[in-house]
PDB file of N, CA and C in Angstrom:
ATOM      1  N   MET A   1     101.304  77.451 119.541  1.00  0.00           N
ATOM      2  CA  MET A   1     100.259  76.635 119.983  1.00  0.00           C
ATOM      3  C   MET A   1      98.782  77.511 119.816  1.00  0.00           C
ATOM      4  N   VAL A   2      97.801  76.736 119.406  1.00  0.00           N
ATOM      5  CA  VAL A   2      96.687  77.392 119.099  1.00  0.00           C
ATOM      6  C   VAL A   2      95.822  77.453 120.399  1.00  0.00           C
ATOM      7  N   LEU A   3      95.709  76.291 121.201  1.00  0.00           N
ATOM      8  CA  LEU A   3      94.712  76.006 122.157  1.00  0.00           C
ATOM      9  C   LEU A   3      95.381  75.097 123.179  1.00  0.00           C
ATOM     10  N   GLU A   4      95.244  75.360 124.378  1.00  0.00           N
ATOM     11  CA  GLU A   4      95.494  74.394 125.544  1.00  0.00           C
ATOM     12  C   GLU A   4      94.364  74.388 126.329  1.00  0.00           C
ATOM     13  N   THR A   5      93.566  73.226 126.583  1.00  0.00           N
ATOM     14  CA  THR A   5      92.485  73.135 127.487  1.00  0.00           C
ATOM     15  C   THR A   5      92.505  71.626 128.322  1.00  0.00           C
ATOM     16  N   LEU A   6      91.645  71.564 129.133  1.00  0.00           N
ATOM     17  CA  LEU A   6      91.436  70.425 129.930  1.00  0.00           C
ATOM     18  C   LEU A   6      90.301  69.786 129.400  1.00  0.00           C
ATOM     19  N   ASP A   7      89.383  70.375 128.537  1.00  0.00           N
ATOM     20  CA  ASP A   7      88.323  70.013 128.079  1.00  0.00           C
ATOM     21  C   ASP A   7      88.324  69.372 126.713  1.00  0.00           C
ATOM     22  N   GLU A   8      88.184  68.218 126.566  1.00  0.00           N
ATOM     23  CA  GLU A   8      88.341  67.362 125.341  1.00  0.00           C
ATOM     24  C   GLU A   8      87.182  67.837 124.316  1.00  0.00           C
ATOM     25  N   ALA A   9      85.960  68.226 124.787  1.00  0.00           N
ATOM     26  CA  ALA A   9      84.960  68.756 123.791  1.00  0.00           C
ATOM     27  C   ALA A   9      85.279  70.118 123.433  1.00  0.00           C
ATOM     28  N   GLU A  10      85.998  70.870 124.107  1.00  0.00           N
ATOM     29  CA  GLU A  10      86.495  72.277 123.655  1.00  0.00           C
ATOM     30  C   GLU A  10      87.522  72.071 122.581  1.00  0.00           C
ATOM     31  N   LEU A  11      88.348  71.026 122.731  1.00  0.00           N
ATOM     32  CA  LEU A  11      89.350  70.775 121.753  1.00  0.00           C
ATOM     33  C   LEU A  11      88.672  70.437 120.433  1.00  0.00           C
ATOM     34  N   ARG A  12      87.895  69.550 120.493  1.00  0.00           N
ATOM     35  CA  ARG A  12      87.158  69.024 119.276  1.00  0.00           C
ATOM     36  C   ARG A  12      86.474  70.109 118.492  1.00  0.00           C
ATOM     37  N   ALA A  13      85.745  70.892 119.313  1.00  0.00           N
ATOM     38  CA  ALA A  13      84.889  72.172 118.675  1.00  0.00           C
ATOM     39  C   ALA A  13      86.018  73.164 117.938  1.00  0.00           C
ATOM     40  N   HIS A  14      87.034  73.428 118.664  1.00  0.00           N
ATOM     41  CA  HIS A  14      88.072  74.162 118.010  1.00  0.00           C
ATOM     42  C   HIS A  14      88.747  73.584 116.745  1.00  0.00           C
ATOM     43  N   LEU A  15      88.767  72.247 116.934  1.00  0.00           N
ATOM     44  CA  LEU A  15      89.598  71.621 115.726  1.00  0.00           C
ATOM     45  C   LEU A  15      88.553  71.692 114.600  1.00  0.00           C
ATOM     46  N   ARG A  16      87.384  71.504 114.819  1.00  0.00           N
ATOM     47  CA  ARG A  16      86.261  71.559 113.698  1.00  0.00           C
ATOM     48  C   ARG A  16      86.099  72.888 113.221  1.00  0.00           C
ATOM     49  N   ARG A  17      86.126  73.935 113.912  1.00  0.00           N
ATOM     50  CA  ARG A  17      86.215  75.247 113.403  1.00  0.00           C
ATOM     51  C   ARG A  17      87.372  75.573 112.458  1.00  0.00           C
ATOM     52  N   LEU A  18      88.566  75.055 112.876  1.00  0.00           N
ATOM     53  CA  LEU A  18      89.888  75.155 112.091  1.00  0.00           C
ATOM     54  C   LEU A  18      89.528  74.488 110.648  1.00  0.00           C
ATOM     55  N   ARG A  19      89.061  73.377 110.728  1.00  0.00           N
ATOM     56  CA  ARG A  19      88.870  72.589 109.369  1.00  0.00           C
ATOM     57  C   ARG A  19      87.817  73.247 108.562  1.00  0.00           C
ATOM     58  N   GLU A  20      86.669  73.801 109.253  1.00  0.00           N
ATOM     59  CA  GLU A  20      85.696  74.553 108.364  1.00  0.00           C
ATOM     60  C   GLU A  20      86.164  75.811 107.694  1.00  0.00           C
ATOM     61  N   ALA A  21      87.264  76.317 108.471  1.00  0.00           N
ATOM     62  CA  ALA A  21      87.885  77.534 107.926  1.00  0.00           C
ATOM     63  C   ALA A  21      88.933  77.318 106.711  1.00  0.00           C
ATOM     64  N   GLY A  22      89.060  75.990 106.598  1.00  0.00           N
ATOM     65  CA  GLY A  22      89.943  75.552 105.323  1.00  0.00           C
ATOM     66  C   GLY A  22      91.431  75.142 105.871  1.00  0.00           C
ATOM     67  N   VAL A  23      91.642  75.041 107.106  1.00  0.00           N
ATOM     68  CA  VAL A  23      93.012  74.754 107.529  1.00  0.00           C
ATOM     69  C   VAL A  23      93.336  73.285 107.038  1.00  0.00           C
ATOM     70  N   ASP A  24      94.439  73.066 106.560  1.00  0.00           N
ATOM     71  CA  ASP A  24      94.906  71.669 106.081  1.00  0.00           C
ATOM     72  C   ASP A  24      95.079  70.865 107.399  1.00  0.00           C
ATOM     73  N   GLY A  25      94.414  69.716 107.476  1.00  0.00           N
ATOM     74  CA  GLY A  25      94.473  68.730 108.513  1.00  0.00           C
ATOM     75  C   GLY A  25      95.939  68.269 108.698  1.00  0.00           C
ATOM     76  N   SER A  26      96.533  68.068 107.799  1.00  0.00           N
ATOM     77  CA  SER A  26      97.967  67.564 107.857  1.00  0.00           C
ATOM     78  C   SER A  26      98.928  68.717 108.592  1.00  0.00           C
ATOM     79  N   MET A  27      98.465  69.869 108.760  1.00  0.00           N
ATOM     80  CA  MET A  27      99.336  71.009 109.408  1.00  0.00           C
ATOM     81  C   MET A  27      98.744  71.162 110.812  1.00  0.00           C
ATOM     82  N   ILE A  28      97.928  70.128 111.322  1.00  0.00           N
ATOM     83  CA  ILE A  28      97.604  70.290 112.780  1.00  0.00           C
ATOM     84  C   ILE A  28      98.259  69.380 113.705  1.00  0.00           C
ATOM     85  N   ARG A  29      98.590  69.604 114.702  1.00  0.00           N
ATOM     86  CA  ARG A  29      99.071  68.647 115.659  1.00  0.00           C
ATOM     87  C   ARG A  29      98.293  68.602 116.953  1.00  0.00           C
ATOM     88  N   ILE A  30      98.028  67.582 117.455  1.00  0.00           N
ATOM     89  CA  ILE A  30      97.276  67.468 118.761  1.00  0.00           C
ATOM     90  C   ILE A  30      97.985  66.556 119.708  1.00  0.00           C
ATOM     91  N   ASP A  31      98.339  67.153 120.759  1.00  0.00           N
ATOM     92  CA  ASP A  31      99.000  66.404 121.843  1.00  0.00           C
ATOM     93  C   ASP A  31      98.124  66.260 123.067  1.00  0.00           C
ATOM     94  N   THR A  32      98.158  64.954 123.625  1.00  0.00           N
ATOM     95  CA  THR A  32      97.479  64.678 124.920  1.00  0.00           C
ATOM     96  C   THR A  32      98.544  64.588 125.888  1.00  0.00           C
ATOM     97  N   LEU A  33      98.565  65.410 126.891  1.00  0.00           N
ATOM     98  CA  LEU A  33      99.477  65.236 128.123  1.00  0.00           C
ATOM     99  C   LEU A  33      98.778  64.557 129.194  1.00  0.00           C
ATOM    100  N   CYS A  34      99.005  63.368 129.361  1.00  0.00           N
ATOM    101  CA  CYS A  34      98.117  62.376 130.203  1.00  0.00           C
ATOM    102  C   CYS A  34      98.332  62.732 131.627  1.00  0.00           C
ATOM    103  N   GLY A  35      97.379  63.072 132.382  1.00  0.00           N
ATOM    104  CA  GLY A  35      97.537  63.300 133.742  1.00  0.00           C
ATOM    105  C   GLY A  35      97.651  62.124 134.540  1.00  0.00           C
ATOM    106  N   ARG A  36      98.089  62.351 135.692  1.00  0.00           N
ATOM    107  CA  ARG A  36      98.152  61.386 136.769  1.00  0.00           C
ATOM    108  C   ARG A  36      97.334  61.926 138.011  1.00  0.00           C
ATOM    109  N   LEU A  37      97.667  61.297 139.091  1.00  0.00           N
ATOM    110  CA  LEU A  37      96.881  61.471 140.308  1.00  0.00           C
ATOM    111  C   LEU A  37      96.772  63.001 140.630  1.00  0.00           C
ATOM    112  N   VAL A  38      97.903  63.571 140.290  1.00  0.00           N
ATOM    113  CA  VAL A  38      98.019  64.978 140.894  1.00  0.00           C
ATOM    114  C   VAL A  38      97.725  66.114 139.934  1.00  0.00           C
ATOM    115  N   GLN A  39      97.671  65.569 138.500  1.00  0.00           N
ATOM    116  CA  GLN A  39      97.378  66.645 137.428  1.00  0.00           C
ATOM    117  C   GLN A  39      96.417  66.032 136.354  1.00  0.00           C
ATOM    118  N   PRO A  40      95.605  66.932 136.018  1.00  0.00           N
ATOM    119  CA  PRO A  40      94.575  66.403 134.961  1.00  0.00           C
ATOM    120  C   PRO A  40      95.103  66.430 133.839  1.00  0.00           C
ATOM    121  N   THR A  41      94.447  65.652 132.821  1.00  0.00           N
ATOM    122  CA  THR A  41      94.850  65.422 131.432  1.00  0.00           C
ATOM    123  C   THR A  41      94.853  66.776 130.605  1.00  0.00           C
ATOM    124  N   THR A  42      95.603  67.210 129.799  1.00  0.00           N
ATOM    125  CA  THR A  42      95.683  68.377 129.197  1.00  0.00           C
ATOM    126  C   THR A  42      95.804  68.155 127.702  1.00  0.00           C
ATOM    127  N   TYR A  43      94.987  68.982 126.920  1.00  0.00           N
ATOM    128  CA  TYR A  43      95.035  68.685 125.418  1.00  0.00           C
ATOM    129  C   TYR A  43      95.630  70.124 124.752  1.00  0.00           C
ATOM    130  N   ARG A  44      96.547  69.748 123.883  1.00  0.00           N
ATOM    131  CA  ARG A  44      97.130  70.953 123.162  1.00  0.00           C
ATOM    132  C   ARG A  44      96.909  70.774 121.771  1.00  0.00           C
ATOM    133  N   LEU A  45      96.544  71.830 121.092  1.00  0.00           N
ATOM    134  CA  LEU A  45      96.362  71.996 119.687  1.00  0.00           C
ATOM    135  C   LEU A  45      97.136  73.010 119.005  1.00  0.00           C
ATOM    136  N   SER A  46      98.010  72.514 118.066  1.00  0.00           N
ATOM    137  CA  SER A  46      99.196  73.293 117.438  1.00  0.00           C
ATOM    138  C   SER A  46      98.951  73.252 116.138  1.00  0.00           C
ATOM    139  N   ARG A  47      99.601  74.239 115.281  1.00  0.00           N
ATOM    140  CA  ARG A  47      99.450  74.498 113.789  1.00  0.00           C
ATOM    141  C   ARG A  47     100.929  74.612 113.361  1.00  0.00           C
ATOM    142  N   PHE A  48     101.394  73.707 112.571  1.00  0.00           N
ATOM    143  CA  PHE A  48     102.758  73.645 112.101  1.00  0.00           C
ATOM    144  C   PHE A  48     102.762  74.869 111.051  1.00  0.00           C
ATOM    145  N   VAL A  49     103.874  75.477 111.227  1.00  0.00           N
ATOM    146  CA  VAL A  49     104.305  76.703 110.563  1.00  0.00           C
ATOM    147  C   VAL A  49     105.485  76.427 109.770  1.00  0.00           C
ATOM    148  N   THR A  50     105.630  76.639 108.349  1.00  0.00           N
ATOM    149  CA  THR A  50     106.682  76.189 107.799  1.00  0.00           C
ATOM    150  C   THR A  50     108.024  77.220 107.831  1.00  0.00           C
ATOM    151  N   ASP A  51     107.711  78.501 108.009  1.00  0.00           N
ATOM    152  CA  ASP A  51     108.654  79.516 108.336  1.00  0.00           C
ATOM    153  C   ASP A  51     108.072  80.570 109.126  1.00  0.00           C
ATOM    154  N   PRO A  52     108.396  80.485 110.449  1.00  0.00           N
ATOM    155  CA  PRO A  52     107.655  81.474 111.380  1.00  0.00           C
ATOM    156  C   PRO A  52     108.098  83.098 110.923  1.00  0.00           C
ATOM    157  N   ALA A  53     109.349  83.277 110.723  1.00  0.00           N
ATOM    158  CA  ALA A  53     109.724  84.656 110.270  1.00  0.00           C
ATOM    159  C   ALA A  53     108.846  84.919 108.981  1.00  0.00           C
ATOM    160  N   ARG A  54     108.547  84.176 107.959  1.00  0.00           N
ATOM    161  CA  ARG A  54     107.733  84.664 106.791  1.00  0.00           C
ATOM    162  C   ARG A  54     106.362  84.793 107.183  1.00  0.00           C
ATOM    163  N   GLU A  55     105.872  83.887 108.054  1.00  0.00           N
ATOM    164  CA  GLU A  55     104.336  83.960 108.463  1.00  0.00           C
ATOM    165  C   GLU A  55     104.209  85.244 109.154  1.00  0.00           C
ATOM    166  N   ALA A  56     105.114  85.719 109.945  1.00  0.00           N
ATOM    167  CA  ALA A  56     105.018  86.991 110.692  1.00  0.00           C
ATOM    168  C   ALA A  56     105.127  88.254 109.646  1.00  0.00           C
ATOM    169  N   GLY A  57     105.578  88.014 108.525  1.00  0.00           N
ATOM    170  CA  GLY A  57     105.897  89.170 107.476  1.00  0.00           C
ATOM    171  C   GLY A  57     107.243  89.748 107.740  1.00  0.00           C
ATOM    172  N   HIS A  58     108.278  88.923 108.283  1.00  0.00           N
ATOM    173  CA  HIS A  58     109.523  89.403 108.400  1.00  0.00           C
ATOM    174  C   HIS A  58     110.459  88.676 107.369  1.00  0.00           C
ATOM    175  N   GLU A  59     111.412  89.325 106.744  1.00  0.00           N
ATOM    176  CA  GLU A  59     112.479  88.714 105.878  1.00  0.00           C
ATOM    177  C   GLU A  59     113.361  87.888 106.607  1.00  0.00           C
ATOM    178  N   HIS A  60     113.895  86.815 106.312  1.00  0.00           N
ATOM    179  CA  HIS A  60     114.797  86.069 106.802  1.00  0.00           C
ATOM    180  C   HIS A  60     116.282  86.583 106.428  1.00  0.00           C
ATOM    181  N   SER A  61     117.165  86.704 107.279  1.00  0.00           N
ATOM    182  CA  SER A  61     118.482  87.249 106.997  1.00  0.00           C
ATOM    183  C   SER A  61     119.489  86.118 107.318  1.00  0.00           C
ATOM    184  N   GLU A  62     120.530  85.901 106.255  1.00  0.00           N
ATOM    185  CA  GLU A  62     121.483  84.894 106.706  1.00  0.00           C
ATOM    186  C   GLU A  62     122.517  85.291 107.681  1.00  0.00           C
ATOM    187  N   HIS A  63     122.487  86.623 108.062  1.00  0.00           N
ATOM    188  CA  HIS A  63     123.495  87.007 109.025  1.00  0.00           C
ATOM    189  C   HIS A  63     122.901  87.501 110.208  1.00  0.00           C
TER     190      HIS A  63
END
């Protein structure tokens, strides 16, 4: 997860910065957790990672 916020404007600003930095839009996921009477609506911005171990610089082992 890249960002979690209650502020939709903050979500849009962060998304714009990611796109300006060259992040492929197809690799971005936006979730809207709809609030009810007791909880506010929350927005989550995530970035898909093809192989988390490789992204972190670790080699994947079969064992």
